[in-house]
């Protein structure tokens, strides 16, 4: 593709315009670049921050490549979603565009079976993996689709009687039919948000993934900082996993569980920004703007390992859920956003959306980002904001 004259603004193609991509789109809108956002949902909230929008699935690789050529883009980025990471890397490779990872690395980052093989070959601690028919499968175990993120195709299987159904569900959800059967690591779940610059791994924030109590005030899940598990081996395991996959540049998002002995097991590595407003939380508590860094990586700009400001004492992202039914209106958002310590409150859905019982990220109704003088204070502030937001639904339309 022809290079753009320096006098013209750069063009960035962003794969996805949903809640998981909104932070990066906001950061891109603040720069002097042309932002082209792709999403199959015409009402995707991130479109409000794009210069141009394309109603196209972020998983349509031929369509993405045609669009990149037609708009003569200078870079492609896929924040917050796994599968388009590979599409962005491959299209960038074919078009001669800069990109933090190549297509081969993207395969390892987006296919769980290949990732497990590479981590095993390099000695990175992870759950034991079993073939579907293995008589040694321990119960309970976890069955998941090999190329999906979040809860799609994932089942906790308590005994052999439930294995076949779980395998069938995972296979049906998998793009390629691949299924992964793993031992259950039943312990705290942590996330390591980091960035790599020319092979230097820079951990930025370790957060706890906390499931809320039954949603008395509409809370589904919380990412809380700092982690209550200050174990250096967590960051070491994340760094080893990122290096094993060949991720030398760009953001990474590593999920880790601690076993009964407190030792980490790497559950998954993603070569992207986290999809749960992780980059915004990192910025709020450390001063490092991961969204802006991801944009610079996609455009091939020179980058130095980041150094944040004095970190805040506590912060969290708390997700909101709504009762099942058809959304009529959302109230209390402005009041919630005005509360002490609340950085922002975002709602994801417009009237007419049908909420179902929460099973995966797409069913979330919104999120709150809050900070405080301690982790506990940030959580209290976020929950107070969550109590203030009200989702009015028609339950008969569920």
Protein backbone atom coordinates (compact mmCIF):
# COMPACT_ATOMS: atom_id res chain seq x y z
CA UNK A 1 0.00 0.00 0.00
CA UNK A 2 1.16 3.53 -0.73
CA UNK A 3 2.55 5.47 2.23
CA UNK A 4 0.64 8.55 3.29
CA UNK A 5 2.32 11.98 3.08
CA UNK A 6 3.46 13.19 6.51
CA UNK A 7 1.20 16.23 6.17
CA UNK A 8 -1.94 14.03 6.18
CA UNK A 9 -3.40 12.52 9.35
CA UNK A 10 -2.83 8.81 9.88
CA UNK A 11 -5.71 6.40 9.36
CA UNK A 12 -6.37 3.73 12.00
CA UNK A 13 -8.73 0.80 11.45
CA UNK A 14 -10.27 -0.42 14.74
CA UNK A 15 -11.87 -3.88 14.75
CA UNK A 16 -14.94 -3.61 16.94
CA UNK A 17 -16.93 -0.67 18.27
CA UNK A 18 -18.59 -2.25 21.28
CA UNK A 19 -18.11 -1.64 24.99
CA UNK A 20 -14.77 -3.50 24.96
CA UNK A 21 -13.38 -1.16 22.28
CA UNK A 22 -14.85 2.12 23.50
CA UNK A 23 -11.85 3.14 25.62
CA UNK A 24 -9.42 2.82 22.72
CA UNK A 25 -11.82 4.60 20.37
CA UNK A 26 -12.09 7.49 22.82
CA UNK A 27 -8.29 7.65 23.06
CA UNK A 28 -7.97 7.56 19.27
CA UNK A 29 -10.56 10.32 18.87
CA UNK A 30 -8.40 12.53 21.07
CA UNK A 31 -5.50 12.24 18.62
CA UNK A 32 -5.17 13.87 15.22
CA UNK A 33 -5.89 10.71 13.26
CA UNK A 34 -8.75 9.39 11.15
CA UNK A 35 -10.45 6.58 13.06
CA UNK A 36 -12.35 3.97 11.04
CA UNK A 37 -14.38 1.63 13.27
CA UNK A 38 -15.82 -1.71 12.19
CA UNK A 39 -18.74 -3.47 13.87
CA UNK A 40 -21.69 -5.50 12.68
CA UNK A 41 -23.98 -3.71 15.16
CA UNK A 42 -25.15 -0.35 13.74
CA UNK A 43 -25.88 0.84 17.29
CA UNK A 44 -22.44 -0.06 18.69
CA UNK A 45 -21.57 2.65 21.27
CA UNK A 46 -18.00 3.10 20.01
CA UNK A 47 -19.18 4.47 16.68
CA UNK A 48 -19.82 7.80 18.42
CA UNK A 49 -16.04 8.22 18.75
CA UNK A 50 -15.08 7.22 15.19
CA UNK A 51 -14.45 9.43 12.19
CA UNK A 52 -15.94 6.79 9.91
CA UNK A 53 -17.92 3.64 10.60
CA UNK A 54 -18.30 0.42 8.65
CA UNK A 55 -21.17 -1.99 9.35
CA UNK A 56 -19.09 -5.13 9.01
CA UNK A 57 -18.24 -8.02 11.29
CA UNK A 58 -14.82 -7.67 12.89
CA UNK A 59 -14.40 -11.39 12.13
CA UNK A 60 -14.89 -10.97 8.37
CA UNK A 61 -11.24 -11.22 7.32
CA UNK A 62 -11.71 -10.74 3.55
CA UNK A 63 -14.00 -7.79 4.21
CA UNK A 64 -11.54 -6.25 6.66
CA UNK A 65 -8.73 -6.56 4.13
CA UNK A 66 -10.80 -4.98 1.37
CA UNK A 67 -11.73 -2.10 3.67
CA UNK A 68 -8.12 -1.59 4.78
CA UNK A 69 -7.04 -1.35 1.14
CA UNK A 70 -9.92 0.91 0.10
CA UNK A 71 -9.32 3.34 2.96
CA UNK A 72 -5.52 3.11 2.64
CA UNK A 73 -5.11 2.70 6.40
CA UNK A 74 -1.81 3.09 8.24
CA UNK A 75 -2.54 0.58 10.99
CA UNK A 76 -5.03 -1.96 12.33
CA UNK A 77 -5.80 -2.71 15.95
CA UNK A 78 -8.10 -5.20 17.70
CA UNK A 79 -8.71 -4.23 21.34
CA UNK A 80 -10.80 -6.27 23.75
CA UNK A 81 -11.56 -9.32 21.59
CA UNK A 82 -9.42 -12.35 20.79
CA UNK A 83 -10.27 -13.63 17.32
CA UNK A 84 -9.89 -10.30 15.48
CA UNK A 85 -6.35 -10.07 16.91
CA UNK A 86 -5.32 -12.73 14.39
CA UNK A 87 -7.22 -10.99 11.60
CA UNK A 88 -5.51 -7.68 12.35
CA UNK A 89 -2.07 -9.32 12.42
CA UNK A 90 -2.56 -11.26 9.19
CA UNK A 91 -4.09 -8.39 7.24
CA UNK A 92 -1.34 -6.04 8.43
CA UNK A 93 1.26 -8.61 7.37
CA UNK A 94 -0.21 -9.00 3.89
CA UNK A 95 -0.54 -5.24 3.38
CA UNK A 96 2.89 -4.38 4.74
CA UNK A 97 1.48 -2.41 7.68
CA UNK A 98 3.11 -2.12 11.11
CA UNK A 99 1.75 -4.41 13.80
CA UNK A 100 3.07 -5.41 17.24
CA UNK A 101 2.76 -9.15 16.55
CA UNK A 102 2.95 -11.27 13.40
CA UNK A 103 0.45 -13.81 12.15
CA UNK A 104 2.25 -16.81 13.65
CA UNK A 105 2.26 -15.25 17.11
CA UNK A 106 -1.39 -14.33 16.71
CA UNK A 107 -2.28 -18.00 16.16
CA UNK A 108 -0.69 -18.89 19.51
CA UNK A 109 -2.46 -15.99 21.20
CA UNK A 110 -5.93 -16.84 19.86
CA UNK A 111 -6.02 -20.65 19.80
CA UNK A 112 -6.07 -22.25 23.25
CA UNK A 113 -4.82 -25.66 22.13
CA UNK A 114 -1.79 -24.21 20.35
CA UNK A 115 -1.15 -21.90 23.28
CA UNK A 116 -1.24 -24.80 25.74
CA UNK A 117 1.25 -26.74 23.61
CA UNK A 118 3.69 -23.83 23.49
CA UNK A 119 3.43 -23.09 27.21
CA UNK A 120 3.99 -26.77 28.00
CA UNK A 121 7.05 -26.90 25.73
CA UNK A 122 8.60 -23.94 27.54
CA UNK A 123 7.77 -25.04 31.07
CA UNK A 124 5.28 -22.28 31.91
CA UNK A 125 3.00 -23.38 34.80
CA UNK A 126 -0.53 -24.10 33.59
CA UNK A 127 -3.43 -26.53 34.20
CA UNK A 128 -3.02 -30.11 33.06
CA UNK A 129 -4.73 -30.83 29.75
CA UNK A 130 -6.48 -34.11 28.84
CA UNK A 131 -7.85 -35.61 25.67
CA UNK A 132 -11.63 -36.03 25.54
CA UNK A 133 -11.54 -39.81 25.96
CA UNK A 134 -8.82 -39.90 28.62
CA UNK A 135 -9.78 -42.13 31.55
CA UNK A 136 -7.57 -40.02 33.83
CA UNK A 137 -9.67 -36.85 33.54
CA UNK A 138 -10.12 -35.53 37.09
CA UNK A 139 -13.51 -34.24 38.16
CA UNK A 140 -14.52 -31.52 38.45
CA UNK A 141 -12.84 -30.35 35.24
CA UNK A 142 -13.25 -27.50 32.78
CA UNK A 143 -14.32 -28.00 29.15
CA UNK A 144 -13.96 -25.08 26.76
CA UNK A 145 -13.95 -24.20 23.07
CA UNK A 146 -10.40 -23.96 21.72
CA UNK A 147 -10.89 -20.62 19.97
CA UNK A 148 -13.45 -18.65 21.96
CA UNK A 149 -13.05 -16.13 24.76
CA UNK A 150 -15.10 -15.51 27.87
CA UNK A 151 -17.83 -18.00 28.78
CA UNK A 152 -18.79 -19.15 25.28
CA UNK A 153 -18.54 -22.92 25.13
CA UNK A 154 -17.15 -23.16 28.66
CA UNK A 155 -18.59 -25.63 31.19
CA UNK A 156 -17.55 -26.75 34.66
CA UNK A 157 -18.12 -30.52 34.63
CA UNK A 158 -18.60 -32.19 38.00
CA UNK A 159 -18.68 -35.85 36.95
CA UNK A 160 -18.32 -38.10 33.93
CA UNK A 161 -22.06 -38.05 33.29
CA UNK A 162 -21.88 -34.43 32.18
CA UNK A 163 -18.76 -34.70 30.03
CA UNK A 164 -20.29 -35.61 26.68
CA UNK A 165 -22.80 -32.74 26.76
CA UNK A 166 -20.08 -30.26 27.72
CA UNK A 167 -17.83 -31.47 24.91
CA UNK A 168 -20.69 -31.18 22.41
CA UNK A 169 -21.45 -27.61 23.54
CA UNK A 170 -17.80 -26.58 23.34
CA UNK A 171 -17.42 -28.13 19.90
CA UNK A 172 -20.55 -26.37 18.65
CA UNK A 173 -19.27 -23.00 19.89
CA UNK A 174 -15.75 -23.50 18.55
CA UNK A 175 -15.01 -22.02 15.15
CA UNK A 176 -12.91 -25.01 14.19
CA UNK A 177 -14.60 -27.62 16.39
CA UNK A 178 -11.64 -27.84 18.78
CA UNK A 179 -12.24 -28.69 22.44
CA UNK A 180 -9.98 -28.35 25.46
CA UNK A 181 -10.40 -30.40 28.66
CA UNK A 182 -8.44 -29.04 31.64
CA UNK A 183 -8.09 -29.74 35.32
CA UNK A 184 -9.91 -27.26 37.53
CA UNK A 185 -7.62 -24.88 39.39
CA UNK A 186 -10.03 -23.84 42.13
CA UNK A 187 -8.47 -20.69 43.53
CA UNK A 188 -8.31 -16.90 43.21
CA UNK A 189 -8.27 -15.53 39.67
CA UNK A 190 -5.91 -12.67 38.84
CA UNK A 191 -5.21 -10.61 35.75
CA UNK A 192 -1.81 -9.21 34.80
CA UNK A 193 -2.11 -6.19 32.52
CA UNK A 194 1.22 -5.47 30.89
CA UNK A 195 2.97 -4.11 27.84
CA UNK A 196 6.07 -5.39 26.04
CA UNK A 197 8.51 -3.12 24.22
CA UNK A 198 11.17 -4.82 22.07
CA UNK A 199 11.07 -7.90 24.29
CA UNK A 200 11.02 -6.04 27.61
CA UNK A 201 8.00 -7.13 29.65
CA UNK A 202 6.55 -4.27 31.73
CA UNK A 203 3.85 -5.34 34.22
CA UNK A 204 1.50 -2.47 34.99
CA UNK A 205 -1.29 -3.74 37.23
CA UNK A 206 -2.27 -7.05 38.82
CA UNK A 207 -5.99 -7.14 39.59
CA UNK A 208 -8.31 -9.63 41.26
CA UNK A 209 -11.29 -10.93 39.35
CA UNK A 210 -14.00 -11.04 41.99
CA UNK A 211 -17.46 -12.51 41.51
CA UNK A 212 -20.01 -10.42 43.38
CA UNK A 213 -22.59 -11.62 45.83
CA UNK A 214 -26.04 -12.27 44.33
CA UNK A 215 -26.68 -9.01 42.49
CA UNK A 216 -28.60 -7.12 45.15
CA UNK A 217 -27.59 -3.93 43.39
CA UNK A 218 -27.03 -5.22 39.90
CA UNK A 219 -23.35 -6.17 40.21
CA UNK A 220 -22.00 -9.04 38.14
CA UNK A 221 -18.20 -8.99 38.40
CA UNK A 222 -15.42 -6.77 39.66
CA UNK A 223 -11.81 -6.19 38.62
CA UNK A 224 -10.20 -4.88 41.82
CA UNK A 225 -6.79 -3.24 42.29
CA UNK A 226 -4.43 -3.82 43.93
CA UNK A 227 -4.57 -7.60 44.10
CA UNK A 228 -4.83 -9.11 47.55
CA UNK A 229 -2.34 -11.75 46.42
CA UNK A 230 1.03 -9.99 46.27
CA UNK A 231 3.00 -12.95 44.96
CA UNK A 232 6.02 -12.15 42.73
CA UNK A 233 5.59 -15.51 41.02
CA UNK A 234 2.34 -14.23 39.44
CA UNK A 235 4.14 -11.55 37.43
CA UNK A 236 6.99 -13.97 36.68
CA UNK A 237 4.55 -16.54 35.28
CA UNK A 238 2.83 -13.91 33.15
CA UNK A 239 6.13 -12.64 31.78
CA UNK A 240 7.28 -16.18 31.00
CA UNK A 241 4.02 -16.95 29.20
CA UNK A 242 4.13 -13.78 27.12
CA UNK A 243 7.74 -14.51 26.14
CA UNK A 244 6.91 -18.14 25.31
CA UNK A 245 4.27 -17.04 22.82
CA UNK A 246 6.69 -14.64 21.15
CA UNK A 247 4.86 -11.46 22.13
CA UNK A 248 7.73 -8.96 22.05
CA UNK A 249 5.67 -5.81 21.47
CA UNK A 250 2.26 -4.57 22.41
CA UNK A 251 -0.19 -4.98 25.28
CA UNK A 252 -0.91 -8.32 26.92
CA UNK A 253 -3.62 -9.59 29.20
CA UNK A 254 -2.78 -12.72 31.21
CA UNK A 255 -5.31 -14.57 33.35
CA UNK A 256 -3.85 -16.60 36.21
CA UNK A 257 -5.32 -18.79 38.93
CA UNK A 258 -3.63 -19.61 42.20
CA UNK A 259 -3.71 -23.22 43.35
CA UNK A 260 -4.14 -24.42 46.94
CA UNK A 261 -0.37 -24.03 47.42
CA UNK A 262 -0.53 -20.42 46.25
CA UNK A 263 1.40 -21.16 43.07
CA UNK A 264 0.19 -19.60 39.79
CA UNK A 265 -1.18 -21.42 36.78
CA UNK A 266 -1.51 -19.50 33.53
CA UNK A 267 -5.05 -19.87 32.26
CA UNK A 268 -4.78 -17.75 29.13
CA UNK A 269 -2.68 -15.06 27.47
CA UNK A 270 -4.17 -12.51 25.09
CA UNK A 271 -2.03 -10.25 22.89
CA UNK A 272 -4.40 -7.32 23.27
CA UNK A 273 -6.01 -4.95 25.70
CA UNK A 274 -8.39 -6.55 28.17
CA UNK A 275 -12.06 -6.37 27.24
CA UNK A 276 -13.27 -5.34 30.70
CA UNK A 277 -12.11 -1.69 30.68
CA UNK A 278 -8.75 -2.92 31.97
CA UNK A 279 -6.80 -0.23 30.12
CA UNK A 280 -8.96 2.49 31.67
CA UNK A 281 -8.44 1.00 35.13
CA UNK A 282 -4.67 0.86 34.56
CA UNK A 283 -4.66 4.51 33.55
CA UNK A 284 -6.74 5.50 36.58
CA UNK A 285 -4.47 3.78 39.09
CA UNK A 286 -1.01 4.05 37.48
CA UNK A 287 -1.18 6.92 34.99
CA UNK A 288 -0.08 4.69 32.09
CA UNK A 289 -2.41 5.06 29.10
CA UNK A 290 -2.52 1.56 27.61
CA UNK A 291 -5.10 2.61 25.03
CA UNK A 292 -2.79 5.29 23.68
CA UNK A 293 0.14 2.85 23.64
CA UNK A 294 -1.91 0.31 21.68
CA UNK A 295 -2.67 2.99 19.09
CA UNK A 296 1.00 3.87 18.80
CA UNK A 297 1.96 0.22 18.34
CA UNK A 298 -0.64 -0.17 15.58
CA UNK A 299 0.69 2.89 13.75
CA UNK A 300 4.33 1.84 14.08
CA UNK A 301 5.31 4.82 16.21
CA UNK A 302 8.47 4.64 18.36
CA UNK A 303 7.69 3.59 21.93
CA UNK A 304 9.69 3.60 25.14
CA UNK A 305 8.87 1.31 28.09
CA UNK A 306 6.27 3.30 30.06
CA UNK A 307 6.78 4.75 33.51
CA UNK A 308 3.61 5.59 35.37
CA UNK A 309 2.92 8.22 37.99
CA UNK A 310 2.65 7.49 41.72
CA UNK A 311 -0.09 4.82 41.76
CA UNK A 312 -3.46 5.38 43.37
CA UNK A 313 -4.17 3.38 46.51
CA UNK A 314 -7.19 1.57 45.10
CA UNK A 315 -9.43 1.20 42.08
CA UNK A 316 -11.95 -1.13 40.49
CA UNK A 317 -14.15 -1.75 37.49
CA UNK A 318 -17.52 -3.09 38.52
CA UNK A 319 -19.92 -4.50 35.92
CA UNK A 320 -23.66 -3.99 36.05
CA UNK A 321 -26.45 -6.40 35.23
CA UNK A 322 -30.11 -5.75 34.55
CA UNK A 323 -33.14 -7.90 35.32
CA UNK A 324 -34.25 -10.17 32.45
CA UNK A 325 -36.62 -8.47 30.08
CA UNK A 326 -36.80 -5.77 27.44
CA UNK A 327 -35.08 -2.52 28.42
CA UNK A 328 -37.44 0.42 28.62
CA UNK A 329 -35.14 3.06 30.12
CA UNK A 330 -32.01 3.57 32.23
CA UNK A 331 -32.08 6.05 35.10
CA UNK A 332 -29.61 7.49 37.59
CA UNK A 333 -26.48 7.43 35.44
CA UNK A 334 -25.64 11.12 35.82
CA UNK A 335 -26.25 10.96 39.57
CA UNK A 336 -24.02 7.89 39.90
CA UNK A 337 -21.22 9.46 37.85
CA UNK A 338 -21.24 12.52 40.13
CA UNK A 339 -20.51 10.52 43.31
CA UNK A 340 -17.12 10.83 45.04
CA UNK A 341 -14.41 8.69 43.51
CA UNK A 342 -16.44 7.64 40.47
CA UNK A 343 -14.42 8.21 37.29
CA UNK A 344 -17.29 7.26 35.00
CA UNK A 345 -20.43 5.20 34.62
CA UNK A 346 -21.20 3.60 31.27
CA UNK A 347 -24.29 1.78 30.14
CA UNK A 348 -24.12 -0.45 27.10
CA UNK A 349 -27.68 -0.94 25.87
CA UNK A 350 -30.40 1.20 24.37
CA UNK A 351 -34.15 0.76 24.92
CA UNK A 352 -35.43 -2.32 23.14
CA UNK A 353 -32.50 -4.54 24.13
CA UNK A 354 -33.58 -7.87 25.60
CA UNK A 355 -31.63 -8.82 28.69
CA UNK A 356 -31.27 -12.49 29.55
CA UNK A 357 -29.83 -14.08 32.72
CA UNK A 358 -26.12 -13.24 32.77
CA UNK A 359 -23.93 -15.89 31.16
CA UNK A 360 -21.21 -13.95 29.35
CA UNK A 361 -19.84 -10.48 28.82
CA UNK A 362 -22.32 -9.59 26.09
CA UNK A 363 -25.13 -9.75 28.66
CA UNK A 364 -23.63 -7.02 30.87
CA UNK A 365 -25.65 -3.86 31.13
CA UNK A 366 -22.84 -1.43 31.95
CA UNK A 367 -19.86 -0.69 34.18
CA UNK A 368 -18.53 1.68 36.83
CA UNK A 369 -14.90 2.77 37.24
CA UNK A 370 -14.08 4.06 40.73
CA UNK A 371 -10.94 4.95 42.68
CA UNK A 372 -10.27 5.52 46.36
CA UNK A 373 -7.76 5.84 49.16
CA UNK A 374 -7.88 2.04 49.42
CA UNK A 375 -9.17 -0.90 47.43
CA UNK A 376 -12.08 -1.28 49.86
CA UNK A 377 -13.04 2.38 49.52
CA UNK A 378 -13.00 2.10 45.72
CA UNK A 379 -15.28 -0.94 45.93
CA UNK A 380 -17.69 0.84 48.28
CA UNK A 381 -17.83 3.84 45.95
CA UNK A 382 -18.43 1.68 42.90
CA UNK A 383 -21.21 -0.25 44.62
CA UNK A 384 -22.84 2.98 45.75
CA UNK A 385 -22.85 4.12 42.13
CA UNK A 386 -24.25 0.77 41.03
CA UNK A 387 -27.12 1.13 43.50
CA UNK A 388 -27.94 4.50 41.95
CA UNK A 389 -28.30 3.16 38.38
CA UNK A 390 -31.68 1.63 37.61
CA UNK A 391 -32.54 -0.48 34.56
CA UNK A 392 -36.30 -0.44 33.96
CA UNK A 393 -37.36 -3.50 31.99
CA UNK A 394 -40.51 -5.18 30.84
CA UNK A 395 -40.18 -8.63 32.39
CA UNK A 396 -43.02 -10.00 30.26
CA UNK A 397 -40.88 -9.41 27.17
CA UNK A 398 -38.01 -11.63 28.45
